[in-house]
Structure formats: structure tokens, C-alpha cells
Amino acid sequence: MCRWVAWLGKPLFMEDLISRPAHSLIHQSRDAHSCKTAINADGVGVAWYGALPEPGLYKDTRPAWSDPNLLQIARQIAAPVFLAHVRASTGSATSYNNCHPFALRRWSFMHNGMVGGFGKLRRRVEMGIDEALYAHRFGATDSEALFLTAMGLGLENSPVGAMARAVRQIEALARDIDATPNMRFTACWSDGQSLYAARYASDEHAPSLYYQQSSEGTLIVSEPLDNNGNDWTEVPVNTALMVTQNDFQILPFLPENADATQGRKAEQPAQKAQETA
């Protein structure tokens, strides 16, 4: 499994999330608490949004803790929206093209989870990618395949609905071959103006997801960046978040009801963070 953080709000130096906190993303790359794999050493990546509509992108195959370029970039770049990810491979090679985030046009995407039996399903999954987008299939991960499938299903016009349809479509393939768990999916994606995240699983072991809000903005993480769990809200399973500079909504994320769009405001009760596997 992987670890990631995402920010939308006032411009923030990336090091404030990637390296400075007690349980920063770099710390999580070698000592994660809320997942089965404590070590996430199969690459690192950051996507950030600045003056241009397309995201800047940095990736490297080294572990985050031994990447001096990551520290320099994080120290120098402040952005109103950015996504950062440390990878623990579920089977595909450690390579630049397999590192998250993935980007296409103005969109970026990162994922923690797995598609059951992906090694056997890869050809069938890739057949579901729109032909016009297949030239952007650079790597071999199930995560990139999910992203490109969602793009082909209308992500740019329906960011939550299209992603849910992609999850439903690929999960059905895993069910066909009885590969369990069929789907575990905690992901984040952005167009530079809005930030989206979702938590879902076909079994009872959905990967962890939390958020924290302040007057400065919204932070979404795989696990808290400190040990004060009361400051973090756990995202319920089968739920998506939609964040803008002026709005925060909690939406249903149910692959069997992938077109659902009715949201509710964040003031609804939610569970507080607990550091459990």
C-alpha cells in the first residue's frame, strides 16, 4: 500500500506536509502506521498547480527519505493545490512511469489500494481505456489504468461520477475471475481548481483516509501527520470529498450507484481518526 497527502487552500510550501511534521509524508515512507506495509520505498512523486493550468510534476524511483531533490523542491515551491505520494508496489516494477501522481492535461491522480488479480486482468482492463487516451498509458500499474479509464468515462465533466464508474467497471472484471479483494480504492484527483478524494473497498478493509480543515484550507491524507488523532476526521467508507476554495462537500461514492451526485455539507457527524491497520 501507499501513503499520500493533498492540499487545497492558501499557497503552502510543500515541505510543510512532506518533510516538516512529526509524521510527515517522508516519515511515513519508512514508518507508516495506518496500513499493513510500514515501508513505502518504491518511488515518490509530487504534482502541483501554479500559474499554468497543467500541473508541474516531479517523480523519482528512490525512496522519499533518500531523495535530496524532493527536499529542495518541497522547500522552494509553495502552491495552492498539490498532491504528494510515496509508493509501495503491489506487484508492478519500481520505475518512473509507475510512480504517482499521474497527469493528463490539467488533471492529476494518485491512488492507494489494489485491483484484485490485476496481473491476470491487465489486458482486459486496458481494453476499457478509451482508444484516444491509450497513448498516455506509460506505465504498468492498476492505478494509472483506473485514471485513464475514468478520463475516458467523462472525468472532466463528472469528476466523482466518472471515477466511480471506472471503479465499478474494473471491479466487475476482478469479480469475474473471483480475485479477492476485488477492489481497494482510496484516491485523490484534481484539476487545479478543485480537489477530490474517495474511499471505497469491495470488502471491509478500505484503505484509511482522513481530512483536516482550517481557515487556511483543507488537507486530505492517508493517515494523520501527527499523533493527535482528535484533530483529524476519518472519511467514511463509500464516500467522496469535493473541495474548492469556497466549498466542501461530502458525496456518496458507490460503484453500484456511480451517477449519484447529491452531496451533504461537512457539518454532518463523522468518525474521528484512529491509527489502526
Foldseek 3Di string as FASTA:
>chain_A
DKKKKKWAFAWDQQCVAAPPFPQHRLVQCQANQQDPDSHQFQKKKKWADDDDQATDIDIDRGRPNPDVVVVVRSRPGTGNIMMMMGHDDPDFHRDRLPYDFQTDRLKTKDKDKAAFPCVVCVVVLLVLFPPVCSVSNPGRGPRVSLVRNLVVQPCVPPVQLSSLQSLLVQLVVCVVVVGPPRIAIWMWMDSSFKIKTAWETSDPCHQWKKWADDPRTIMIISADSDDPQQRIFTQDYQWMWIDGNPAIWIFGRHSVPSVGDDTDGPVPDTHTDDRYD
